[in-house]
Amino acid sequence: MPHTIIDPKIPIKIPSDHLIWGFIGSKDDIKNHTIALDDLAEVREVLKIGKMTFSGLGSVFIEGFKKRLDQILLLNGAFFNDGENRGHAQDDQNISFNLIQPYRTGERKGLYPSIRIKP
């Protein structure tokens, strides 16, 4: 699966239902690094777009890709609603942090104070 980095200098619109890959920094990159999922589903052997080469059955890839995305969204809690479909994003909502900073001045400068945590 190709990696994607999106870092545009101006606002760009990424079309829905498209696969996008590579470095995206401009509107031209969108034209050269996207394909409609329906078009990819029609591929039966090999498709080359720029430096990207896809080989195989596009429809099988799209089906597996959509299932994987749904699984990732589910596991991350994207479908969480009224206590249903919890994901790991909801598991840490009651977390607290103890931040210990080193002494900034004096003879202990740079050392961390001791702390004892008793649950």
PDB file of N, CA and C in Angstrom:
ATOM      1  N   MET A   1       0.847  -1.178   0.000  1.00  0.00           N
ATOM      2  CA  MET A   1       0.000   0.000   0.000  1.00  0.00           C
ATOM      3  C   MET A   1       0.885   1.231   0.000  1.00  0.00           C
ATOM      4  N   PRO A   2       0.665   2.138  -0.920  1.00  0.00           N
ATOM      5  CA  PRO A   2       1.511   3.341  -0.964  1.00  0.00           C
ATOM      6  C   PRO A   2       1.218   4.262   0.212  1.00  0.00           C
ATOM      7  N   HIS A   3       2.257   4.948   0.650  1.00  0.00           N
ATOM      8  CA  HIS A   3       2.114   5.920   1.723  1.00  0.00           C
ATOM      9  C   HIS A   3       1.670   7.249   1.150  1.00  0.00           C
ATOM     10  N   THR A   4       1.064   8.065   1.983  1.00  0.00           N
ATOM     11  CA  THR A   4       0.591   9.369   1.551  1.00  0.00           C
ATOM     12  C   THR A   4       1.018  10.421   2.560  1.00  0.00           C
ATOM     13  N   ILE A   5       1.568  11.511   2.057  1.00  0.00           N
ATOM     14  CA  ILE A   5       1.874  12.681   2.872  1.00  0.00           C
ATOM     15  C   ILE A   5       1.143  13.843   2.227  1.00  0.00           C
ATOM     16  N   ILE A   6       0.297  14.519   2.998  1.00  0.00           N
ATOM     17  CA  ILE A   6      -0.456  15.648   2.486  1.00  0.00           C
ATOM     18  C   ILE A   6       0.049  16.903   3.191  1.00  0.00           C
ATOM     19  N   ASP A   7       0.710  17.792   2.444  1.00  0.00           N
ATOM     20  CA  ASP A   7       1.295  19.015   3.000  1.00  0.00           C
ATOM     21  C   ASP A   7       1.178  20.139   1.972  1.00  0.00           C
ATOM     22  N   PRO A   8      -0.059  20.604   1.723  1.00  0.00           N
ATOM     23  CA  PRO A   8      -0.252  21.627   0.690  1.00  0.00           C
ATOM     24  C   PRO A   8       0.101  23.028   1.187  1.00  0.00           C
ATOM     25  N   LYS A   9       0.528  23.886   0.261  1.00  0.00           N
ATOM     26  CA  LYS A   9       0.805  25.289   0.578  1.00  0.00           C
ATOM     27  C   LYS A   9      -0.468  26.119   0.499  1.00  0.00           C
ATOM     28  N   ILE A  10      -1.445  25.651  -0.262  1.00  0.00           N
ATOM     29  CA  ILE A  10      -2.740  26.318  -0.385  1.00  0.00           C
ATOM     30  C   ILE A  10      -3.823  25.268  -0.138  1.00  0.00           C
ATOM     31  N   PRO A  11      -5.035  25.679   0.221  1.00  0.00           N
ATOM     32  CA  PRO A  11      -6.112  24.692   0.436  1.00  0.00           C
ATOM     33  C   PRO A  11      -6.373  23.878  -0.836  1.00  0.00           C
ATOM     34  N   ILE A  12      -6.538  22.582  -0.649  1.00  0.00           N
ATOM     35  CA  ILE A  12      -6.862  21.695  -1.768  1.00  0.00           C
ATOM     36  C   ILE A  12      -8.061  20.848  -1.386  1.00  0.00           C
ATOM     37  N   LYS A  13      -8.764  20.362  -2.369  1.00  0.00           N
ATOM     38  CA  LYS A  13      -9.917  19.487  -2.131  1.00  0.00           C
ATOM     39  C   LYS A  13      -9.564  18.080  -2.587  1.00  0.00           C
ATOM     40  N   ILE A  14      -9.682  17.124  -1.686  1.00  0.00           N
ATOM     41  CA  ILE A  14      -9.434  15.728  -2.011  1.00  0.00           C
ATOM     42  C   ILE A  14     -10.780  15.108  -2.356  1.00  0.00           C
ATOM     43  N   PRO A  15     -10.915  14.571  -3.559  1.00  0.00           N
ATOM     44  CA  PRO A  15     -12.218  14.032  -3.965  1.00  0.00           C
ATOM     45  C   PRO A  15     -12.604  12.808  -3.128  1.00  0.00           C
ATOM     46  N   SER A  16     -13.899  12.699  -2.850  1.00  0.00           N
ATOM     47  CA  SER A  16     -14.379  11.536  -2.096  1.00  0.00           C
ATOM     48  C   SER A  16     -14.351  10.298  -2.988  1.00  0.00           C
ATOM     49  N   ASP A  17     -14.323   9.147  -2.347  1.00  0.00           N
ATOM     50  CA  ASP A  17     -14.315   7.857  -3.047  1.00  0.00           C
ATOM     51  C   ASP A  17     -13.166   7.728  -4.038  1.00  0.00           C
ATOM     52  N   HIS A  18     -12.008   8.237  -3.648  1.00  0.00           N
ATOM     53  CA  HIS A  18     -10.785   8.125  -4.444  1.00  0.00           C
ATOM     54  C   HIS A  18      -9.674   7.557  -3.578  1.00  0.00           C
ATOM     55  N   LEU A  19      -8.782   6.811  -4.184  1.00  0.00           N
ATOM     56  CA  LEU A  19      -7.552   6.384  -3.538  1.00  0.00           C
ATOM     57  C   LEU A  19      -6.523   7.457  -3.843  1.00  0.00           C
ATOM     58  N   ILE A  20      -5.766   7.861  -2.840  1.00  0.00           N
ATOM     59  CA  ILE A  20      -4.767   8.909  -3.002  1.00  0.00           C
ATOM     60  C   ILE A  20      -3.442   8.386  -2.469  1.00  0.00           C
ATOM     61  N   TRP A  21      -2.333   8.732  -3.109  1.00  0.00           N
ATOM     62  CA  TRP A  21      -1.027   8.220  -2.685  1.00  0.00           C
ATOM     63  C   TRP A  21       0.057   9.246  -2.974  1.00  0.00           C
ATOM     64  N   GLY A  22       1.216   9.012  -2.379  1.00  0.00           N
ATOM     65  CA  GLY A  22       2.388   9.838  -2.640  1.00  0.00           C
ATOM     66  C   GLY A  22       2.374  11.131  -1.857  1.00  0.00           C
ATOM     67  N   PHE A  23       3.205  12.069  -2.302  1.00  0.00           N
ATOM     68  CA  PHE A  23       3.292  13.384  -1.675  1.00  0.00           C
ATOM     69  C   PHE A  23       2.291  14.318  -2.346  1.00  0.00           C
ATOM     70  N   ILE A  24       1.427  14.911  -1.550  1.00  0.00           N
ATOM     71  CA  ILE A  24       0.405  15.807  -2.061  1.00  0.00           C
ATOM     72  C   ILE A  24       0.696  17.209  -1.518  1.00  0.00           C
ATOM     73  N   GLY A  25       1.131  18.089  -2.416  1.00  0.00           N
ATOM     74  CA  GLY A  25       1.433  19.456  -2.012  1.00  0.00           C
ATOM     75  C   GLY A  25       0.709  20.492  -2.849  1.00  0.00           C
ATOM     76  N   SER A  26       0.018  20.048  -3.893  1.00  0.00           N
ATOM     77  CA  SER A  26      -0.647  20.994  -4.795  1.00  0.00           C
ATOM     78  C   SER A  26      -1.847  20.335  -5.463  1.00  0.00           C
ATOM     79  N   LYS A  27      -2.613  21.162  -6.194  1.00  0.00           N
ATOM     80  CA  LYS A  27      -3.751  20.634  -6.944  1.00  0.00           C
ATOM     81  C   LYS A  27      -3.285  19.683  -8.041  1.00  0.00           C
ATOM     82  N   ASP A  28      -2.114  19.952  -8.638  1.00  0.00           N
ATOM     83  CA  ASP A  28      -1.586  19.049  -9.665  1.00  0.00           C
ATOM     84  C   ASP A  28      -1.291  17.665  -9.098  1.00  0.00           C
ATOM     85  N   ASP A  29      -0.815  17.631  -7.856  1.00  0.00           N
ATOM     86  CA  ASP A  29      -0.549  16.333  -7.229  1.00  0.00           C
ATOM     87  C   ASP A  29      -1.835  15.531  -7.070  1.00  0.00           C
ATOM     88  N   ILE A  30      -2.940  16.215  -6.783  1.00  0.00           N
ATOM     89  CA  ILE A  30      -4.232  15.533  -6.669  1.00  0.00           C
ATOM     90  C   ILE A  30      -4.572  14.877  -8.006  1.00  0.00           C
ATOM     91  N   LYS A  31      -4.347  15.591  -9.097  1.00  0.00           N
ATOM     92  CA  LYS A  31      -4.657  15.043 -10.426  1.00  0.00           C
ATOM     93  C   LYS A  31      -3.797  13.823 -10.745  1.00  0.00           C
ATOM     94  N   ASN A  32      -2.530  13.862 -10.331  1.00  0.00           N
ATOM     95  CA  ASN A  32      -1.577  12.820 -10.709  1.00  0.00           C
ATOM     96  C   ASN A  32      -1.474  11.668  -9.717  1.00  0.00           C
ATOM     97  N   HIS A  33      -2.062  11.818  -8.526  1.00  0.00           N
ATOM     98  CA  HIS A  33      -1.902  10.799  -7.487  1.00  0.00           C
ATOM     99  C   HIS A  33      -3.229  10.338  -6.908  1.00  0.00           C
ATOM    100  N   THR A  34      -4.282  10.343  -7.704  1.00  0.00           N
ATOM    101  CA  THR A  34      -5.567   9.826  -7.241  1.00  0.00           C
ATOM    102  C   THR A  34      -6.210   8.998  -8.337  1.00  0.00           C
ATOM    103  N   ILE A  35      -7.079   8.113  -7.904  1.00  0.00           N
ATOM    104  CA  ILE A  35      -7.905   7.349  -8.836  1.00  0.00           C
ATOM    105  C   ILE A  35      -9.240   7.076  -8.150  1.00  0.00           C
ATOM    106  N   ALA A  36     -10.306   7.192  -8.891  1.00  0.00           N
ATOM    107  CA  ALA A  36     -11.629   6.871  -8.350  1.00  0.00           C
ATOM    108  C   ALA A  36     -11.669   5.385  -7.993  1.00  0.00           C
ATOM    109  N   LEU A  37     -12.266   5.079  -6.862  1.00  0.00           N
ATOM    110  CA  LEU A  37     -12.356   3.673  -6.435  1.00  0.00           C
ATOM    111  C   LEU A  37     -13.093   2.835  -7.470  1.00  0.00           C
ATOM    112  N   ASP A  38     -14.109   3.401  -8.110  1.00  0.00           N
ATOM    113  CA  ASP A  38     -14.843   2.665  -9.154  1.00  0.00           C
ATOM    114  C   ASP A  38     -13.926   2.340 -10.333  1.00  0.00           C
ATOM    115  N   ASP A  39     -13.050   3.277 -10.711  1.00  0.00           N
ATOM    116  CA  ASP A  39     -12.115   3.023 -11.811  1.00  0.00           C
ATOM    117  C   ASP A  39     -11.086   1.959 -11.432  1.00  0.00           C
ATOM    118  N   LEU A  40     -10.609   2.024 -10.204  1.00  0.00           N
ATOM    119  CA  LEU A  40      -9.642   1.017  -9.743  1.00  0.00           C
ATOM    120  C   LEU A  40     -10.301  -0.358  -9.673  1.00  0.00           C
ATOM    121  N   ALA A  41     -11.563  -0.404  -9.314  1.00  0.00           N
ATOM    122  CA  ALA A  41     -12.280  -1.687  -9.233  1.00  0.00           C
ATOM    123  C   ALA A  41     -12.375  -2.365 -10.596  1.00  0.00           C
ATOM    124  N   GLU A  42     -12.261  -1.601 -11.672  1.00  0.00           N
ATOM    125  CA  GLU A  42     -12.350  -2.157 -13.024  1.00  0.00           C
ATOM    126  C   GLU A  42     -11.033  -2.785 -13.498  1.00  0.00           C
ATOM    127  N   VAL A  43      -9.930  -2.533 -12.806  1.00  0.00           N
ATOM    128  CA  VAL A  43      -8.626  -3.059 -13.224  1.00  0.00           C
ATOM    129  C   VAL A  43      -8.617  -4.571 -13.071  1.00  0.00           C
ATOM    130  N   ARG A  44      -8.125  -5.264 -14.107  1.00  0.00           N
ATOM    131  CA  ARG A  44      -8.076  -6.729 -14.096  1.00  0.00           C
ATOM    132  C   ARG A  44      -6.648  -7.270 -14.061  1.00  0.00           C
ATOM    133  N   GLU A  45      -5.688  -6.477 -14.458  1.00  0.00           N
ATOM    134  CA  GLU A  45      -4.302  -6.959 -14.462  1.00  0.00           C
ATOM    135  C   GLU A  45      -3.357  -5.913 -13.887  1.00  0.00           C
ATOM    136  N   VAL A  46      -2.955  -4.937 -14.707  1.00  0.00           N
ATOM    137  CA  VAL A  46      -1.956  -3.956 -14.278  1.00  0.00           C
ATOM    138  C   VAL A  46      -2.423  -2.560 -14.658  1.00  0.00           C
ATOM    139  N   LEU A  47      -2.190  -1.614 -13.751  1.00  0.00           N
ATOM    140  CA  LEU A  47      -2.482  -0.205 -13.997  1.00  0.00           C
ATOM    141  C   LEU A  47      -1.268   0.597 -13.555  1.00  0.00           C
ATOM    142  N   LYS A  48      -0.788   1.491 -14.413  1.00  0.00           N
ATOM    143  CA  LYS A  48       0.320   2.374 -14.059  1.00  0.00           C
ATOM    144  C   LYS A  48      -0.156   3.810 -14.159  1.00  0.00           C
ATOM    145  N   ILE A  49       0.051   4.554 -13.087  1.00  0.00           N
ATOM    146  CA  ILE A  49      -0.228   5.990 -13.063  1.00  0.00           C
ATOM    147  C   ILE A  49       1.011   6.647 -12.463  1.00  0.00           C
ATOM    148  N   GLY A  50       1.754   7.349 -13.297  1.00  0.00           N
ATOM    149  CA  GLY A  50       3.006   7.947 -12.823  1.00  0.00           C
ATOM    150  C   GLY A  50       3.941   6.863 -12.326  1.00  0.00           C
ATOM    151  N   LYS A  51       4.430   7.025 -11.099  1.00  0.00           N
ATOM    152  CA  LYS A  51       5.347   6.039 -10.519  1.00  0.00           C
ATOM    153  C   LYS A  51       4.613   4.914  -9.782  1.00  0.00           C
ATOM    154  N   MET A  52       3.284   4.997  -9.709  1.00  0.00           N
ATOM    155  CA  MET A  52       2.508   3.976  -9.007  1.00  0.00           C
ATOM    156  C   MET A  52       2.091   2.883  -9.984  1.00  0.00           C
ATOM    157  N   THR A  53       2.328   1.644  -9.579  1.00  0.00           N
ATOM    158  CA  THR A  53       1.893   0.489 -10.361  1.00  0.00           C
ATOM    159  C   THR A  53       1.004  -0.378  -9.487  1.00  0.00           C
ATOM    160  N   PHE A  54      -0.176  -0.679  -9.980  1.00  0.00           N
ATOM    161  CA  PHE A  54      -1.084  -1.588  -9.289  1.00  0.00           C
ATOM    162  C   PHE A  54      -1.218  -2.823 -10.154  1.00  0.00           C
ATOM    163  N   SER A  55      -1.100  -3.992  -9.533  1.00  0.00           N
ATOM    164  CA  SER A  55      -1.317  -5.224 -10.286  1.00  0.00           C
ATOM    165  C   SER A  55      -2.256  -6.113  -9.491  1.00  0.00           C
ATOM    166  N   GLY A  56      -3.195  -6.710 -10.196  1.00  0.00           N
ATOM    167  CA  GLY A  56      -4.161  -7.593  -9.555  1.00  0.00           C
ATOM    168  C   GLY A  56      -5.574  -7.211  -9.938  1.00  0.00           C
ATOM    169  N   LEU A  57      -6.507  -7.726  -9.172  1.00  0.00           N
ATOM    170  CA  LEU A  57      -7.916  -7.420  -9.390  1.00  0.00           C
ATOM    171  C   LEU A  57      -8.297  -6.228  -8.513  1.00  0.00           C
ATOM    172  N   GLY A  58      -8.605  -5.120  -9.168  1.00  0.00           N
ATOM    173  CA  GLY A  58      -8.943  -3.914  -8.432  1.00  0.00           C
ATOM    174  C   GLY A  58     -10.135  -4.089  -7.516  1.00  0.00           C
ATOM    175  N   SER A  59     -11.135  -4.840  -7.951  1.00  0.00           N
ATOM    176  CA  SER A  59     -12.344  -5.029  -7.139  1.00  0.00           C
ATOM    177  C   SER A  59     -12.029  -5.765  -5.839  1.00  0.00           C
ATOM    178  N   VAL A  60     -11.126  -6.740  -5.891  1.00  0.00           N
ATOM    179  CA  VAL A  60     -10.742  -7.484  -4.682  1.00  0.00           C
ATOM    180  C   VAL A  60      -9.988  -6.565  -3.722  1.00  0.00           C
ATOM    181  N   PHE A  61      -9.096  -5.741  -4.273  1.00  0.00           N
ATOM    182  CA  PHE A  61      -8.360  -4.786  -3.436  1.00  0.00           C
ATOM    183  C   PHE A  61      -9.330  -3.819  -2.753  1.00  0.00           C
ATOM    184  N   ILE A  62     -10.252  -3.238  -3.524  1.00  0.00           N
ATOM    185  CA  ILE A  62     -11.188  -2.256  -2.979  1.00  0.00           C
ATOM    186  C   ILE A  62     -12.035  -2.873  -1.873  1.00  0.00           C
ATOM    187  N   GLU A  63     -12.519  -4.095  -2.075  1.00  0.00           N
ATOM    188  CA  GLU A  63     -13.325  -4.767  -1.051  1.00  0.00           C
ATOM    189  C   GLU A  63     -12.524  -4.954   0.238  1.00  0.00           C
ATOM    190  N   GLY A  64     -11.299  -5.452   0.119  1.00  0.00           N
ATOM    191  CA  GLY A  64     -10.450  -5.650   1.293  1.00  0.00           C
ATOM    192  C   GLY A  64     -10.051  -4.337   1.943  1.00  0.00           C
ATOM    193  N   PHE A  65      -9.787  -3.328   1.135  1.00  0.00           N
ATOM    194  CA  PHE A  65      -9.383  -2.008   1.622  1.00  0.00           C
ATOM    195  C   PHE A  65     -10.512  -1.377   2.441  1.00  0.00           C
ATOM    196  N   LYS A  66     -11.737  -1.447   1.946  1.00  0.00           N
ATOM    197  CA  LYS A  66     -12.883  -0.884   2.663  1.00  0.00           C
ATOM    198  C   LYS A  66     -13.122  -1.626   3.978  1.00  0.00           C
ATOM    199  N   LYS A  67     -12.993  -2.954   3.970  1.00  0.00           N
ATOM    200  CA  LYS A  67     -13.161  -3.728   5.203  1.00  0.00           C
ATOM    201  C   LYS A  67     -12.102  -3.339   6.227  1.00  0.00           C
ATOM    202  N   ARG A  68     -10.864  -3.167   5.767  1.00  0.00           N
ATOM    203  CA  ARG A  68      -9.768  -2.799   6.678  1.00  0.00           C
ATOM    204  C   ARG A  68      -9.997  -1.413   7.272  1.00  0.00           C
ATOM    205  N   LEU A  69     -10.443  -0.466   6.451  1.00  0.00           N
ATOM    206  CA  LEU A  69     -10.726   0.874   6.967  1.00  0.00           C
ATOM    207  C   LEU A  69     -11.844   0.839   8.002  1.00  0.00           C
ATOM    208  N   ASP A  70     -12.897   0.089   7.730  1.00  0.00           N
ATOM    209  CA  ASP A  70     -13.988  -0.034   8.698  1.00  0.00           C
ATOM    210  C   ASP A  70     -13.496  -0.651  10.003  1.00  0.00           C
ATOM    211  N   GLN A  71     -12.614  -1.647   9.918  1.00  0.00           N
ATOM    212  CA  GLN A  71     -12.065  -2.278  11.113  1.00  0.00           C
ATOM    213  C   GLN A  71     -11.242  -1.274  11.920  1.00  0.00           C
ATOM    214  N   ILE A  72     -10.417  -0.481  11.239  1.00  0.00           N
ATOM    215  CA  ILE A  72      -9.600   0.529  11.921  1.00  0.00           C
ATOM    216  C   ILE A  72     -10.496   1.553  12.601  1.00  0.00           C
ATOM    217  N   LEU A  73     -11.518   2.016  11.894  1.00  0.00           N
ATOM    218  CA  LEU A  73     -12.434   2.992  12.475  1.00  0.00           C
ATOM    219  C   LEU A  73     -13.161   2.413  13.692  1.00  0.00           C
ATOM    220  N   LEU A  74     -13.605   1.172  13.593  1.00  0.00           N
ATOM    221  CA  LEU A  74     -14.296   0.528  14.701  1.00  0.00           C
ATOM    222  C   LEU A  74     -13.379   0.398  15.913  1.00  0.00           C
ATOM    223  N   LEU A  75     -12.159  -0.093  15.701  1.00  0.00           N
ATOM    224  CA  LEU A  75     -11.217  -0.288  16.807  1.00  0.00           C
ATOM    225  C   LEU A  75     -10.805   1.025  17.454  1.00  0.00           C
ATOM    226  N   ASN A  76     -10.837   2.111  16.699  1.00  0.00           N
ATOM    227  CA  ASN A  76     -10.470   3.416  17.234  1.00  0.00           C
ATOM    228  C   ASN A  76     -11.658   4.165  17.832  1.00  0.00           C
ATOM    229  N   GLY A  77     -12.840   3.576  17.772  1.00  0.00           N
ATOM    230  CA  GLY A  77     -13.996   4.184  18.400  1.00  0.00           C
ATOM    231  C   GLY A  77     -14.725   5.201  17.546  1.00  0.00           C
ATOM    232  N   ALA A  78     -14.504   5.186  16.237  1.00  0.00           N
ATOM    233  CA  ALA A  78     -15.148   6.161  15.361  1.00  0.00           C
ATOM    234  C   ALA A  78     -16.655   5.974  15.300  1.00  0.00           C
ATOM    235  N   PHE A  79     -17.146   4.787  15.630  1.00  0.00           N
ATOM    236  CA  PHE A  79     -18.577   4.521  15.583  1.00  0.00           C
ATOM    237  C   PHE A  79     -19.202   4.546  16.976  1.00  0.00           C
ATOM    238  N   PHE A  80     -18.456   5.076  17.970  1.00  0.00           N
ATOM    239  CA  PHE A  80     -18.931   5.145  19.352  1.00  0.00           C
ATOM    240  C   PHE A  80     -20.163   6.034  19.423  1.00  0.00           C
ATOM    241  N   ASN A  81     -21.223   5.510  20.063  1.00  0.00           N
ATOM    242  CA  ASN A  81     -22.458   6.269  20.190  1.00  0.00           C
ATOM    243  C   ASN A  81     -23.241   5.742  21.383  1.00  0.00           C
ATOM    244  N   ASP A  82     -23.509   6.602  22.346  1.00  0.00           N
ATOM    245  CA  ASP A  82     -24.305   6.234  23.522  1.00  0.00           C
ATOM    246  C   ASP A  82     -23.793   4.966  24.202  1.00  0.00           C
ATOM    247  N   GLY A  83     -22.493   4.864  24.374  1.00  0.00           N
ATOM    248  CA  GLY A  83     -21.908   3.727  25.075  1.00  0.00           C
ATOM    249  C   GLY A  83     -21.690   2.492  24.218  1.00  0.00           C
ATOM    250  N   GLU A  84     -22.133   2.504  22.979  1.00  0.00           N
ATOM    251  CA  GLU A  84     -21.964   1.358  22.077  1.00  0.00           C
ATOM    252  C   GLU A  84     -20.768   1.584  21.157  1.00  0.00           C
ATOM    253  N   ASN A  85     -20.137   0.485  20.755  1.00  0.00           N
ATOM    254  CA  ASN A  85     -19.010   0.510  19.815  1.00  0.00           C
ATOM    255  C   ASN A  85     -17.799   1.256  20.373  1.00  0.00           C
ATOM    256  N   ARG A  86     -17.505   0.980  21.644  1.00  0.00           N
ATOM    257  CA  ARG A  86     -16.313   1.603  22.238  1.00  0.00           C
ATOM    258  C   ARG A  86     -15.064   1.135  21.498  1.00  0.00           C
ATOM    259  N   GLY A  87     -14.145   2.018  21.357  1.00  0.00           N
ATOM    260  CA  GLY A  87     -12.844   1.696  20.791  1.00  0.00           C
ATOM    261  C   GLY A  87     -11.777   2.118  21.772  1.00  0.00           C
ATOM    262  N   HIS A  88     -10.524   1.886  21.414  1.00  0.00           N
ATOM    263  CA  HIS A  88      -9.466   2.233  22.364  1.00  0.00           C
ATOM    264  C   HIS A  88      -9.371   3.737  22.569  1.00  0.00           C
ATOM    265  N   ALA A  89      -9.942   4.551  21.687  1.00  0.00           N
ATOM    266  CA  ALA A  89      -9.954   5.999  21.883  1.00  0.00           C
ATOM    267  C   ALA A  89     -10.770   6.378  23.120  1.00  0.00           C
ATOM    268  N   GLN A  90     -11.764   5.558  23.480  1.00  0.00           N
ATOM    269  CA  GLN A  90     -12.564   5.856  24.670  1.00  0.00           C
ATOM    270  C   GLN A  90     -11.970   5.255  25.938  1.00  0.00           C
ATOM    271  N   ASP A  91     -11.016   4.355  25.815  1.00  0.00           N
ATOM    272  CA  ASP A  91     -10.470   3.673  26.982  1.00  0.00           C
ATOM    273  C   ASP A  91      -9.665   4.593  27.898  1.00  0.00           C
ATOM    274  N   ASP A  92      -9.086   5.645  27.348  1.00  0.00           N
ATOM    275  CA  ASP A  92      -8.215   6.517  28.137  1.00  0.00           C
ATOM    276  C   ASP A  92      -8.882   7.819  28.543  1.00  0.00           C
ATOM    277  N   GLN A  93     -10.188   7.875  28.533  1.00  0.00           N
ATOM    278  CA  GLN A  93     -10.855   9.132  28.842  1.00  0.00           C
ATOM    279  C   GLN A  93     -10.786   9.494  30.319  1.00  0.00           C
ATOM    280  N   ASN A  94     -10.548   8.559  31.191  1.00  0.00           N
ATOM    281  CA  ASN A  94     -10.456   8.844  32.621  1.00  0.00           C
ATOM    282  C   ASN A  94      -9.018   8.739  33.115  1.00  0.00           C
ATOM    283  N   ILE A  95      -8.077   9.071  32.288  1.00  0.00           N
ATOM    284  CA  ILE A  95      -6.672   8.944  32.636  1.00  0.00           C
ATOM    285  C   ILE A  95      -6.176  10.237  33.282  1.00  0.00           C
ATOM    286  N   SER A  96      -5.226  10.129  34.168  1.00  0.00           N
ATOM    287  CA  SER A  96      -4.595  11.314  34.734  1.00  0.00           C
ATOM    288  C   SER A  96      -3.081  11.159  34.611  1.00  0.00           C
ATOM    289  N   PHE A  97      -2.399  12.267  34.563  1.00  0.00           N
ATOM    290  CA  PHE A  97      -0.961  12.264  34.394  1.00  0.00           C
ATOM    291  C   PHE A  97      -0.306  12.992  35.562  1.00  0.00           C
ATOM    292  N   ASN A  98       0.814  12.486  36.008  1.00  0.00           N
ATOM    293  CA  ASN A  98       1.641  13.169  36.993  1.00  0.00           C
ATOM    294  C   ASN A  98       2.914  13.595  36.285  1.00  0.00           C
ATOM    295  N   LEU A  99       3.072  14.879  36.134  1.00  0.00           N
ATOM    296  CA  LEU A  99       4.255  15.392  35.444  1.00  0.00           C
ATOM    297  C   LEU A  99       5.246  15.886  36.485  1.00  0.00           C
ATOM    298  N   ILE A 100       6.430  15.364  36.423  1.00  0.00           N
ATOM    299  CA  ILE A 100       7.468  15.755  37.366  1.00  0.00           C
ATOM    300  C   ILE A 100       8.545  16.488  36.575  1.00  0.00           C
ATOM    301  N   GLN A 101       8.814  17.701  36.979  1.00  0.00           N
ATOM    302  CA  GLN A 101       9.827  18.506  36.310  1.00  0.00           C
ATOM    303  C   GLN A 101      11.096  18.544  37.162  1.00  0.00           C
ATOM    304  N   PRO A 102      12.254  18.608  36.534  1.00  0.00           N
ATOM    305  CA  PRO A 102      13.493  18.703  37.320  1.00  0.00           C
ATOM    306  C   PRO A 102      13.595  20.078  37.986  1.00  0.00           C
ATOM    307  N   TYR A 103      14.397  20.141  39.021  1.00  0.00           N
ATOM    308  CA  TYR A 103      14.667  21.439  39.654  1.00  0.00           C
ATOM    309  C   TYR A 103      15.319  22.343  38.622  1.00  0.00           C
ATOM    310  N   ARG A 104      14.858  23.578  38.574  1.00  0.00           N
ATOM    311  CA  ARG A 104      15.372  24.503  37.549  1.00  0.00           C
ATOM    312  C   ARG A 104      16.577  25.290  38.026  1.00  0.00           C
ATOM    313  N   THR A 105      16.720  25.440  39.335  1.00  0.00           N
ATOM    314  CA  THR A 105      17.834  26.236  39.878  1.00  0.00           C
ATOM    315  C   THR A 105      18.373  25.567  41.130  1.00  0.00           C
ATOM    316  N   GLY A 106      19.421  26.120  41.659  1.00  0.00           N
ATOM    317  CA  GLY A 106      19.978  25.657  42.931  1.00  0.00           C
ATOM    318  C   GLY A 106      20.876  24.451  42.779  1.00  0.00           C
ATOM    319  N   GLU A 107      21.301  23.919  43.935  1.00  0.00           N
ATOM    320  CA  GLU A 107      22.257  22.805  43.913  1.00  0.00           C
ATOM    321  C   GLU A 107      21.659  21.523  43.367  1.00  0.00           C
ATOM    322  N   ARG A 108      20.342  21.427  43.301  1.00  0.00           N
ATOM    323  CA  ARG A 108      19.688  20.242  42.734  1.00  0.00           C
ATOM    324  C   ARG A 108      19.255  20.458  41.279  1.00  0.00           C
ATOM    325  N   LYS A 109      19.712  21.532  40.668  1.00  0.00           N
ATOM    326  CA  LYS A 109      19.334  21.858  39.288  1.00  0.00           C
ATOM    327  C   LYS A 109      19.550  20.642  38.375  1.00  0.00           C
ATOM    328  N   GLY A 110      18.509  20.302  37.593  1.00  0.00           N
ATOM    329  CA  GLY A 110      18.580  19.177  36.661  1.00  0.00           C
ATOM    330  C   GLY A 110      18.161  17.850  37.248  1.00  0.00           C
ATOM    331  N   LEU A 111      18.078  17.758  38.578  1.00  0.00           N
ATOM    332  CA  LEU A 111      17.638  16.523  39.218  1.00  0.00           C
ATOM    333  C   LEU A 111      16.126  16.536  39.351  1.00  0.00           C
ATOM    334  N   TYR A 112      15.558  15.356  39.346  1.00  0.00           N
ATOM    335  CA  TYR A 112      14.114  15.225  39.512  1.00  0.00           C
ATOM    336  C   TYR A 112      13.807  14.934  40.971  1.00  0.00           C
ATOM    337  N   PRO A 113      12.786  15.577  41.520  1.00  0.00           N
ATOM    338  CA  PRO A 113      12.401  15.259  42.900  1.00  0.00           C
ATOM    339  C   PRO A 113      11.856  13.832  42.951  1.00  0.00           C
ATOM    340  N   SER A 114      11.922  13.239  44.136  1.00  0.00           N
ATOM    341  CA  SER A 114      11.382  11.891  44.269  1.00  0.00           C
ATOM    342  C   SER A 114       9.855  12.003  44.470  1.00  0.00           C
ATOM    343  N   ILE A 115       9.185  10.967  44.097  1.00  0.00           N
ATOM    344  CA  ILE A 115       7.740  10.914  44.264  1.00  0.00           C
ATOM    345  C   ILE A 115       7.373   9.489  44.614  1.00  0.00           C
ATOM    346  N   ARG A 116       6.435   9.352  45.534  1.00  0.00           N
ATOM    347  CA  ARG A 116       5.942   8.033  45.901  1.00  0.00           C
ATOM    348  C   ARG A 116       4.454   8.027  45.595  1.00  0.00           C
ATOM    349  N   ILE A 117       4.046   7.082  44.776  1.00  0.00           N
ATOM    350  CA  ILE A 117       2.638   6.977  44.404  1.00  0.00           C
ATOM    351  C   ILE A 117       2.057   5.763  45.096  1.00  0.00           C
ATOM    352  N   LYS A 118       1.036   6.006  45.885  1.00  0.00           N
ATOM    353  CA  LYS A 118       0.360   4.911  46.594  1.00  0.00           C
ATOM    354  C   LYS A 118      -1.098   4.899  46.152  1.00  0.00           C
ATOM    355  N   PRO A 119      -1.478   3.906  45.374  1.00  0.00           N
ATOM    356  CA  PRO A 119      -2.866   3.856  44.917  1.00  0.00           C
ATOM    357  C   PRO A 119      -3.849   3.655  46.053  1.00  0.00           C
TER     358      PRO A 119
END
